[in-house]
C-alpha cells in the first residue's frame, strides 16, 4: 500500500521563525518553502508524489522529504492514522520512537508527529528523524520528514517547510 511506504519513509506545530534562506516549491496541490539551493529529486507511485531535498554540502547528512498522498486521509480516522505513523517507524533498523503527538500549522493544517532515532544498518551511526503527517482537503495527507545524522538543533529546515505548507489550487 502506498501509504505504508510513505509512512516508512519518515516537528512541532510550525511557530518558530526561521532565518535560513528559502525558495518556493510545489508538490501536486501542496505549496511550501524549502531551503534555498537544496537539490530536489522527484518520485511518483500510484496515489503519491514524493520529493526529496538535500543540500549540496551535506556534512549533517540531512534530507527533507515531502510526500503528497491523495484521497487516502479520508479513509483514516485519527486513531488509525496515529497507529500507522507509529507502526511504520518500526521498519527502521533499531528504531526508538517518541509518542505520537498532535501538531497544527500556522495556516490551520492539523496532524501528528513522531520523533525517531534509528541506525540505517548495523555498520552505520545513528540518525534522527522527525516525521509529520498533516491532513489536507479533500481527504489527502502531506508527510514532511526531516532526517539527519547530526540534526539541526534549531530545527530550521523542518520549521521552514512546516510553517509554510499549504493547499493550492488543483493543477
N, C-alpha and C. Protein backbone atom coordinates (compact mmCIF):
# COMPACT_ATOMS: atom_id res chain seq x y z
N UNK A 1 0.85 -1.18 0.00
CA UNK A 1 0.00 0.00 0.00
C UNK A 1 0.88 1.23 0.00
N UNK A 2 0.57 2.22 -0.80
CA UNK A 2 1.38 3.42 -0.92
C UNK A 2 1.53 4.15 0.40
N UNK A 3 0.48 4.20 1.22
CA UNK A 3 0.57 4.88 2.49
C UNK A 3 1.63 4.24 3.38
N UNK A 4 1.73 2.92 3.35
CA UNK A 4 2.75 2.25 4.15
C UNK A 4 4.14 2.69 3.77
N UNK A 5 4.42 2.79 2.48
CA UNK A 5 5.73 3.28 2.04
C UNK A 5 5.93 4.71 2.47
N UNK A 6 4.91 5.52 2.31
CA UNK A 6 5.03 6.92 2.68
C UNK A 6 5.32 7.06 4.16
N UNK A 7 4.65 6.27 4.99
CA UNK A 7 4.89 6.35 6.42
C UNK A 7 6.27 5.81 6.78
N UNK A 8 6.73 4.79 6.09
CA UNK A 8 8.04 4.22 6.39
C UNK A 8 9.18 5.16 6.03
N UNK A 9 8.94 6.03 5.06
CA UNK A 9 9.97 6.98 4.70
C UNK A 9 10.17 8.04 5.80
N UNK A 10 9.38 8.11 6.75
CA UNK A 10 9.55 9.13 7.78
C UNK A 10 10.99 9.46 7.85
N UNK A 11 8.45 17.54 14.68
CA UNK A 11 8.19 18.95 14.44
C UNK A 11 7.12 19.39 15.37
N UNK A 12 7.32 20.03 15.50
CA UNK A 12 6.28 20.60 16.32
C UNK A 12 5.40 21.46 15.46
N UNK A 13 4.33 21.97 16.06
CA UNK A 13 3.48 22.91 15.33
C UNK A 13 4.33 24.04 14.84
N UNK A 14 4.21 24.39 13.61
CA UNK A 14 5.10 25.37 13.00
C UNK A 14 4.84 26.75 13.55
N UNK A 15 5.68 27.19 14.47
CA UNK A 15 5.51 28.51 15.02
C UNK A 15 6.82 29.24 15.22
N UNK A 16 7.92 28.59 14.98
CA UNK A 16 9.22 29.19 15.19
C UNK A 16 9.68 29.90 13.91
N UNK A 17 10.07 31.16 14.04
CA UNK A 17 10.57 31.89 12.88
C UNK A 17 11.92 31.31 12.48
N UNK A 18 12.17 31.21 11.19
CA UNK A 18 13.43 30.67 10.71
C UNK A 18 14.27 31.77 10.10
N UNK A 19 15.56 31.52 10.04
CA UNK A 19 16.47 32.52 9.49
C UNK A 19 17.18 32.02 8.24
N UNK A 20 16.87 30.82 7.80
CA UNK A 20 17.54 30.32 6.60
C UNK A 20 16.84 30.86 5.35
N UNK A 21 17.62 31.02 4.30
CA UNK A 21 17.05 31.45 3.02
C UNK A 21 16.22 30.31 2.45
N UNK A 22 15.08 30.67 1.88
CA UNK A 22 14.20 29.63 1.33
C UNK A 22 13.69 30.06 -0.03
N UNK A 23 13.10 29.07 -0.71
CA UNK A 23 12.51 29.31 -2.02
C UNK A 23 11.23 28.50 -2.13
N UNK A 24 10.28 28.97 -2.94
CA UNK A 24 9.00 28.25 -3.04
C UNK A 24 9.15 26.92 -3.77
N UNK A 25 8.31 25.98 -3.36
CA UNK A 25 8.26 24.67 -4.01
C UNK A 25 6.80 24.25 -4.06
N UNK A 26 6.53 23.32 -4.93
CA UNK A 26 5.18 22.77 -5.06
C UNK A 26 5.29 21.28 -5.34
N UNK A 27 4.38 20.53 -4.74
CA UNK A 27 4.27 19.11 -4.99
C UNK A 27 2.79 18.81 -5.12
N UNK A 28 2.35 18.55 -6.34
CA UNK A 28 0.93 18.34 -6.56
C UNK A 28 0.13 19.57 -6.19
N UNK A 29 -0.79 19.41 -5.24
CA UNK A 29 -1.65 20.51 -4.80
C UNK A 29 -1.18 21.12 -3.49
N UNK A 30 0.09 20.97 -3.18
CA UNK A 30 0.63 21.48 -1.93
C UNK A 30 1.79 22.42 -2.25
N UNK A 31 1.77 23.60 -1.65
CA UNK A 31 2.87 24.54 -1.78
C UNK A 31 3.57 24.71 -0.44
N UNK A 32 4.84 25.11 -0.47
CA UNK A 32 5.63 25.28 0.75
C UNK A 32 6.97 25.90 0.37
N UNK A 33 7.78 26.24 1.35
CA UNK A 33 9.12 26.75 1.14
C UNK A 33 10.12 25.66 1.53
N UNK A 34 11.24 25.61 0.81
CA UNK A 34 12.35 24.71 1.13
C UNK A 34 13.63 25.53 1.21
N UNK A 35 14.67 24.99 1.84
CA UNK A 35 15.92 25.75 1.91
C UNK A 35 16.44 26.08 0.50
N UNK A 36 16.85 27.31 0.32
CA UNK A 36 17.36 27.77 -0.97
C UNK A 36 18.61 26.98 -1.35
N UNK A 37 18.66 26.58 -2.62
CA UNK A 37 19.83 25.89 -3.14
C UNK A 37 19.89 24.39 -2.90
N UNK A 38 18.94 23.85 -2.16
CA UNK A 38 18.94 22.40 -1.95
C UNK A 38 18.50 21.72 -3.23
N UNK A 39 19.04 20.53 -3.48
CA UNK A 39 18.76 19.79 -4.70
C UNK A 39 17.53 18.91 -4.53
N UNK A 40 16.69 18.88 -5.55
CA UNK A 40 15.43 18.15 -5.50
C UNK A 40 15.49 16.90 -6.37
N UNK A 41 14.94 15.80 -5.84
CA UNK A 41 14.74 14.56 -6.61
C UNK A 41 13.28 14.18 -6.45
N UNK A 42 12.60 13.88 -7.57
CA UNK A 42 11.18 13.55 -7.55
C UNK A 42 10.94 12.08 -7.86
N UNK A 43 9.91 11.53 -7.22
CA UNK A 43 9.49 10.16 -7.43
C UNK A 43 7.98 10.15 -7.43
N UNK A 44 7.41 9.15 -8.06
CA UNK A 44 5.96 9.04 -8.07
C UNK A 44 5.58 7.57 -8.05
N UNK A 45 4.50 7.29 -7.37
CA UNK A 45 3.90 5.97 -7.39
C UNK A 45 2.40 6.17 -7.31
N UNK A 46 1.61 5.16 -7.57
CA UNK A 46 0.16 5.37 -7.60
C UNK A 46 -0.35 6.05 -6.32
N UNK A 47 -1.01 7.19 -6.50
CA UNK A 47 -1.60 7.92 -5.39
C UNK A 47 -0.65 8.77 -4.59
N UNK A 48 0.62 8.81 -4.93
CA UNK A 48 1.60 9.59 -4.16
C UNK A 48 2.60 10.29 -5.05
N UNK A 49 2.95 11.49 -4.64
CA UNK A 49 4.07 12.23 -5.23
C UNK A 49 5.08 12.44 -4.12
N UNK A 50 6.35 12.21 -4.43
CA UNK A 50 7.40 12.29 -3.42
C UNK A 50 8.52 13.18 -3.95
N UNK A 51 8.98 14.11 -3.11
CA UNK A 51 10.13 14.95 -3.46
C UNK A 51 11.07 14.97 -2.26
N UNK A 52 12.36 14.79 -2.57
CA UNK A 52 13.39 14.77 -1.52
C UNK A 52 14.41 15.85 -1.84
N UNK A 53 14.70 16.69 -0.84
CA UNK A 53 15.69 17.75 -0.99
C UNK A 53 16.89 17.45 -0.09
N UNK A 54 18.10 17.70 -0.63
CA UNK A 54 19.35 17.58 0.14
C UNK A 54 20.25 18.75 -0.22
N UNK A 55 21.06 19.21 0.74
CA UNK A 55 21.99 20.28 0.43
C UNK A 55 23.18 19.74 -0.36
N UNK A 56 23.80 20.61 -1.16
CA UNK A 56 24.98 20.20 -1.94
C UNK A 56 26.13 19.82 -0.99
N UNK A 57 26.37 20.62 0.02
CA UNK A 57 27.38 20.34 1.03
C UNK A 57 26.63 19.74 2.21
N UNK A 58 26.67 18.43 2.36
CA UNK A 58 25.78 17.75 3.29
C UNK A 58 26.53 17.10 4.45
N UNK A 59 27.25 17.90 5.20
CA UNK A 59 28.02 17.37 6.33
C UNK A 59 27.12 16.75 7.40
N UNK A 60 25.92 17.28 7.57
CA UNK A 60 24.98 16.74 8.57
C UNK A 60 24.25 15.48 8.09
N UNK A 61 24.40 15.14 6.80
CA UNK A 61 23.66 14.03 6.18
C UNK A 61 22.16 14.26 6.33
N UNK A 62 21.71 15.46 5.93
CA UNK A 62 20.32 15.87 6.05
C UNK A 62 19.52 15.60 4.79
N UNK A 63 18.24 15.42 4.99
CA UNK A 63 17.28 15.43 3.88
C UNK A 63 15.94 15.89 4.42
N UNK A 64 15.16 16.49 3.54
CA UNK A 64 13.77 16.82 3.86
C UNK A 64 12.93 16.21 2.75
N UNK A 65 11.98 15.39 3.13
CA UNK A 65 11.12 14.69 2.19
C UNK A 65 9.70 15.20 2.36
N UNK A 66 9.04 15.47 1.25
CA UNK A 66 7.63 15.85 1.27
C UNK A 66 6.89 14.84 0.38
N UNK A 67 5.82 14.30 0.93
CA UNK A 67 5.01 13.31 0.21
C UNK A 67 3.57 13.78 0.21
N UNK A 68 2.98 13.86 -0.97
CA UNK A 68 1.56 14.16 -1.08
C UNK A 68 0.84 12.86 -1.40
N UNK A 69 -0.06 12.46 -0.51
CA UNK A 69 -0.90 11.27 -0.71
C UNK A 69 -2.31 11.75 -0.96
N UNK A 70 -2.84 11.45 -2.11
CA UNK A 70 -4.17 11.93 -2.48
C UNK A 70 -5.25 10.92 -2.10
N UNK A 71 -6.35 11.44 -1.56
CA UNK A 71 -7.56 10.66 -1.27
C UNK A 71 -7.30 9.46 -0.36
N UNK A 72 -6.32 9.56 0.52
CA UNK A 72 -6.05 8.49 1.48
C UNK A 72 -6.56 8.87 2.86
N UNK A 73 -6.37 10.11 3.24
CA UNK A 73 -6.71 10.57 4.58
C UNK A 73 -8.18 10.42 4.92
N UNK A 74 -9.05 10.53 3.94
CA UNK A 74 -10.48 10.43 4.20
C UNK A 74 -10.86 9.05 4.73
N UNK A 75 -10.06 8.04 4.42
CA UNK A 75 -10.37 6.67 4.87
C UNK A 75 -9.77 6.36 6.23
N UNK A 76 -9.03 7.30 6.81
CA UNK A 76 -8.34 7.04 8.07
C UNK A 76 -8.86 7.95 9.17
N UNK A 77 -9.37 7.37 10.26
CA UNK A 77 -9.70 8.21 11.40
C UNK A 77 -8.40 8.52 12.14
N UNK A 78 -8.46 9.42 13.10
CA UNK A 78 -7.24 9.85 13.79
C UNK A 78 -6.51 8.70 14.49
N UNK A 79 -7.25 7.82 15.13
CA UNK A 79 -6.62 6.70 15.83
C UNK A 79 -5.84 5.82 14.86
N UNK A 80 -6.42 5.53 13.72
CA UNK A 80 -5.74 4.68 12.72
C UNK A 80 -4.54 5.39 12.13
N UNK A 81 -4.66 6.70 11.84
CA UNK A 81 -3.54 7.46 11.31
C UNK A 81 -2.37 7.47 12.28
N UNK A 82 -2.63 7.70 13.56
CA UNK A 82 -1.58 7.69 14.58
C UNK A 82 -0.93 6.31 14.68
N UNK A 83 -1.73 5.26 14.63
CA UNK A 83 -1.20 3.90 14.72
C UNK A 83 -0.30 3.59 13.52
N UNK A 84 -0.72 3.98 12.32
CA UNK A 84 0.10 3.75 11.13
C UNK A 84 1.40 4.55 11.18
N UNK A 85 1.32 5.79 11.62
CA UNK A 85 2.51 6.63 11.72
C UNK A 85 3.51 6.01 12.69
N UNK A 86 3.05 5.59 13.84
CA UNK A 86 3.92 4.98 14.84
C UNK A 86 4.46 3.63 14.36
N UNK A 87 3.60 2.79 13.84
CA UNK A 87 3.99 1.46 13.42
C UNK A 87 4.98 1.46 12.26
N UNK A 88 4.83 2.41 11.36
CA UNK A 88 5.72 2.46 10.20
C UNK A 88 7.17 2.73 10.60
N UNK A 89 7.37 3.43 11.69
CA UNK A 89 8.74 3.74 12.11
C UNK A 89 9.50 2.49 12.53
N UNK A 90 8.76 1.44 12.91
CA UNK A 90 9.40 0.20 13.34
C UNK A 90 10.10 -0.50 12.18
N UNK A 91 9.82 -0.11 10.94
CA UNK A 91 10.54 -0.66 9.79
C UNK A 91 11.98 -0.15 9.73
N UNK A 92 12.26 0.91 10.48
CA UNK A 92 13.62 1.45 10.52
C UNK A 92 14.46 0.63 11.48
N UNK A 93 15.65 0.25 11.08
CA UNK A 93 16.53 -0.61 11.87
C UNK A 93 16.84 0.04 13.23
N UNK A 94 16.58 -0.70 14.29
CA UNK A 94 16.90 -0.23 15.63
C UNK A 94 16.10 0.99 16.07
N UNK A 95 14.89 1.17 15.55
CA UNK A 95 14.10 2.36 15.84
C UNK A 95 13.73 2.49 17.31
N UNK A 96 13.96 3.69 17.81
CA UNK A 96 13.49 4.11 19.14
C UNK A 96 12.65 5.35 18.91
N UNK A 97 11.38 5.30 19.29
CA UNK A 97 10.45 6.36 18.93
C UNK A 97 9.88 7.08 20.14
N UNK A 98 9.46 8.31 19.89
CA UNK A 98 8.70 9.07 20.88
C UNK A 98 7.23 8.66 20.77
N UNK A 99 6.43 9.22 21.62
CA UNK A 99 4.98 9.09 21.47
C UNK A 99 4.54 9.94 20.27
N UNK A 100 3.47 9.57 19.65
CA UNK A 100 2.87 10.39 18.60
C UNK A 100 2.20 11.58 19.28
N UNK A 101 2.43 12.78 18.76
CA UNK A 101 1.81 13.98 19.33
C UNK A 101 1.09 14.77 18.25
N UNK A 102 0.07 15.49 18.66
CA UNK A 102 -0.71 16.31 17.73
C UNK A 102 0.07 17.56 17.36
N UNK A 103 -0.10 18.03 16.11
CA UNK A 103 0.51 19.26 15.64
C UNK A 103 -0.52 20.05 14.83
N UNK A 104 -0.28 21.35 14.73
CA UNK A 104 -1.09 22.21 13.86
C UNK A 104 -0.16 23.27 13.29
N UNK A 105 -0.38 23.60 12.03
CA UNK A 105 0.45 24.61 11.38
C UNK A 105 -0.20 25.99 11.52
N UNK A 106 0.55 27.02 11.16
CA UNK A 106 0.05 28.38 11.23
C UNK A 106 -1.14 28.61 10.30
N UNK A 107 -1.23 27.84 9.21
CA UNK A 107 -2.35 28.01 8.27
C UNK A 107 -3.50 27.06 8.58
N UNK A 108 -3.43 26.34 9.69
CA UNK A 108 -4.55 25.54 10.14
C UNK A 108 -4.57 24.08 9.73
N UNK A 109 -3.50 23.57 9.15
CA UNK A 109 -3.46 22.13 8.87
C UNK A 109 -3.14 21.41 10.17
N UNK A 110 -3.81 20.31 10.41
CA UNK A 110 -3.62 19.54 11.64
C UNK A 110 -3.14 18.15 11.30
N UNK A 111 -2.43 17.55 12.24
CA UNK A 111 -1.95 16.19 12.04
C UNK A 111 -1.17 15.71 13.24
N UNK A 112 -0.16 14.87 12.97
CA UNK A 112 0.60 14.23 14.03
C UNK A 112 2.07 14.17 13.68
N UNK A 113 2.90 14.05 14.72
CA UNK A 113 4.34 13.90 14.51
C UNK A 113 4.89 12.83 15.43
N UNK A 114 6.05 12.30 15.01
CA UNK A 114 6.78 11.35 15.83
C UNK A 114 8.27 11.60 15.62
N UNK A 115 9.04 11.44 16.68
CA UNK A 115 10.50 11.56 16.63
C UNK A 115 11.07 10.14 16.67
N UNK A 116 12.10 9.90 15.87
CA UNK A 116 12.68 8.56 15.77
C UNK A 116 14.20 8.66 15.78
N UNK A 117 14.85 7.78 16.50
CA UNK A 117 16.29 7.57 16.39
C UNK A 117 16.46 6.16 15.86
N UNK A 118 17.29 6.00 14.83
CA UNK A 118 17.46 4.69 14.21
C UNK A 118 18.86 4.56 13.64
N UNK A 119 19.23 3.33 13.30
CA UNK A 119 20.51 3.03 12.68
C UNK A 119 20.20 2.42 11.33
N UNK A 120 20.56 3.11 10.21
CA UNK A 120 20.22 2.56 8.89
C UNK A 120 20.69 1.13 8.68
N UNK A 121 21.87 0.80 9.20
CA UNK A 121 22.35 -0.59 9.21
C UNK A 121 23.30 -0.70 10.39
N UNK A 122 23.62 -1.92 10.75
CA UNK A 122 24.45 -2.14 11.94
C UNK A 122 25.80 -1.44 11.85
N UNK A 123 26.30 -1.21 10.65
CA UNK A 123 27.62 -0.60 10.48
C UNK A 123 27.57 0.93 10.40
N UNK A 124 26.40 1.52 10.52
CA UNK A 124 26.27 2.97 10.36
C UNK A 124 25.97 3.64 11.70
N UNK A 125 26.26 4.94 11.81
CA UNK A 125 25.91 5.67 13.03
C UNK A 125 24.40 5.94 13.09
N UNK A 126 23.94 6.35 14.25
CA UNK A 126 22.53 6.67 14.43
C UNK A 126 22.13 7.88 13.61
N UNK A 127 20.89 7.88 13.18
CA UNK A 127 20.26 9.02 12.53
C UNK A 127 19.03 9.40 13.35
N UNK A 128 18.59 10.63 13.18
CA UNK A 128 17.37 11.10 13.83
C UNK A 128 16.39 11.55 12.76
N UNK A 129 15.13 11.35 13.03
CA UNK A 129 14.09 11.69 12.07
C UNK A 129 12.90 12.28 12.81
N UNK A 130 12.32 13.29 12.21
CA UNK A 130 11.02 13.80 12.63
C UNK A 130 10.07 13.59 11.46
N UNK A 131 9.00 12.87 11.70
CA UNK A 131 8.01 12.58 10.65
C UNK A 131 6.70 13.23 11.07
N UNK A 132 6.24 14.16 10.24
CA UNK A 132 4.98 14.87 10.48
C UNK A 132 4.03 14.50 9.35
N UNK A 133 2.80 14.17 9.69
CA UNK A 133 1.76 13.93 8.68
C UNK A 133 0.62 14.90 8.96
N UNK A 134 0.22 15.63 7.91
CA UNK A 134 -0.83 16.64 8.01
C UNK A 134 -1.99 16.27 7.10
N UNK A 135 -3.19 16.56 7.54
CA UNK A 135 -4.38 16.34 6.71
C UNK A 135 -4.59 17.54 5.81
N UNK A 136 -4.91 17.28 4.54
CA UNK A 136 -5.28 18.34 3.60
C UNK A 136 -6.67 18.03 3.06
N UNK A 137 -7.24 18.96 2.34
CA UNK A 137 -8.57 18.75 1.77
C UNK A 137 -8.46 18.45 0.30
N UNK A 138 -9.28 17.68 -0.28
CA UNK A 138 -10.25 16.79 0.37
C UNK A 138 -9.64 15.41 0.59
N UNK A 139 -9.42 15.05 1.81
CA UNK A 139 -9.00 13.70 2.17
C UNK A 139 -7.56 13.33 1.90
N UNK A 140 -6.73 14.29 1.60
CA UNK A 140 -5.32 13.98 1.34
C UNK A 140 -4.46 14.08 2.59
N UNK A 141 -3.24 13.62 2.45
CA UNK A 141 -2.24 13.72 3.51
C UNK A 141 -0.96 14.30 2.92
N UNK A 142 -0.25 15.06 3.74
CA UNK A 142 1.08 15.54 3.38
C UNK A 142 2.03 15.09 4.49
N UNK A 143 3.07 14.40 4.08
CA UNK A 143 4.12 13.97 5.02
C UNK A 143 5.29 14.92 4.85
N UNK A 144 5.84 15.38 5.96
CA UNK A 144 7.06 16.17 5.95
C UNK A 144 8.03 15.43 6.86
N UNK A 145 9.15 14.98 6.29
CA UNK A 145 10.07 14.11 7.02
C UNK A 145 11.47 14.71 6.98
N UNK A 146 11.99 15.07 8.14
CA UNK A 146 13.35 15.59 8.24
C UNK A 146 14.22 14.49 8.84
N UNK A 147 15.30 14.15 8.15
CA UNK A 147 16.22 13.09 8.60
C UNK A 147 17.64 13.64 8.57
N UNK A 148 18.43 13.33 9.59
CA UNK A 148 19.82 13.77 9.63
C UNK A 148 20.63 12.91 10.59
N UNK A 149 21.90 12.75 10.25
CA UNK A 149 22.81 12.10 11.20
C UNK A 149 23.09 13.06 12.34
N UNK A 150 23.31 14.33 12.01
CA UNK A 150 23.53 15.37 13.01
C UNK A 150 22.44 16.42 12.79
N UNK A 151 21.31 16.29 13.46
CA UNK A 151 20.19 17.21 13.21
C UNK A 151 20.51 18.65 13.57
N UNK A 152 19.88 19.55 12.85
CA UNK A 152 19.95 20.97 13.14
C UNK A 152 19.27 21.21 14.49
N UNK A 153 20.00 21.69 15.50
CA UNK A 153 19.38 21.84 16.83
C UNK A 153 18.26 22.88 16.84
N UNK A 154 18.28 23.82 15.91
CA UNK A 154 17.22 24.84 15.85
C UNK A 154 16.03 24.39 15.01
N UNK A 155 16.15 23.25 14.34
CA UNK A 155 15.08 22.68 13.52
C UNK A 155 14.63 23.62 12.41
N UNK A 156 15.53 24.45 11.91
CA UNK A 156 15.17 25.46 10.91
C UNK A 156 14.68 24.86 9.60
N UNK A 157 15.30 23.80 9.14
CA UNK A 157 14.88 23.20 7.88
C UNK A 157 13.45 22.68 8.01
N UNK A 158 13.19 21.91 9.04
CA UNK A 158 11.85 21.38 9.25
C UNK A 158 10.84 22.50 9.44
N UNK A 159 11.16 23.47 10.26
CA UNK A 159 10.23 24.57 10.53
C UNK A 159 9.98 25.42 9.29
N UNK A 160 10.97 25.56 8.41
CA UNK A 160 10.77 26.30 7.17
C UNK A 160 9.66 25.67 6.35
N UNK A 161 9.68 24.35 6.22
CA UNK A 161 8.65 23.66 5.45
C UNK A 161 7.32 23.70 6.21
N UNK A 162 7.31 23.30 7.47
CA UNK A 162 6.06 23.22 8.22
C UNK A 162 5.34 24.55 8.33
N UNK A 163 6.08 25.62 8.51
CA UNK A 163 5.43 26.92 8.70
C UNK A 163 4.85 27.49 7.41
N UNK A 164 5.16 26.87 6.29
CA UNK A 164 4.70 27.40 5.00
C UNK A 164 3.83 26.43 4.20
N UNK A 165 3.72 25.18 4.61
CA UNK A 165 2.95 24.21 3.84
C UNK A 165 1.47 24.63 3.80
N UNK A 166 0.89 24.57 2.60
CA UNK A 166 -0.49 24.98 2.41
C UNK A 166 -1.05 24.32 1.15
N UNK A 167 -2.35 24.17 1.12
CA UNK A 167 -3.02 23.63 -0.06
C UNK A 167 -3.07 24.71 -1.14
N UNK A 168 -2.91 24.29 -2.39
CA UNK A 168 -3.02 25.19 -3.54
C UNK A 168 -4.09 24.66 -4.48
N UNK A 169 -4.46 25.48 -5.42
CA UNK A 169 -5.48 25.07 -6.39
C UNK A 169 -4.98 23.87 -7.18
N UNK A 170 -5.89 23.00 -7.55
CA UNK A 170 -5.54 21.79 -8.31
C UNK A 170 -4.82 22.15 -9.59
N UNK A 171 -3.83 21.30 -9.92
CA UNK A 171 -3.07 21.53 -11.16
C UNK A 171 -3.42 20.49 -12.20
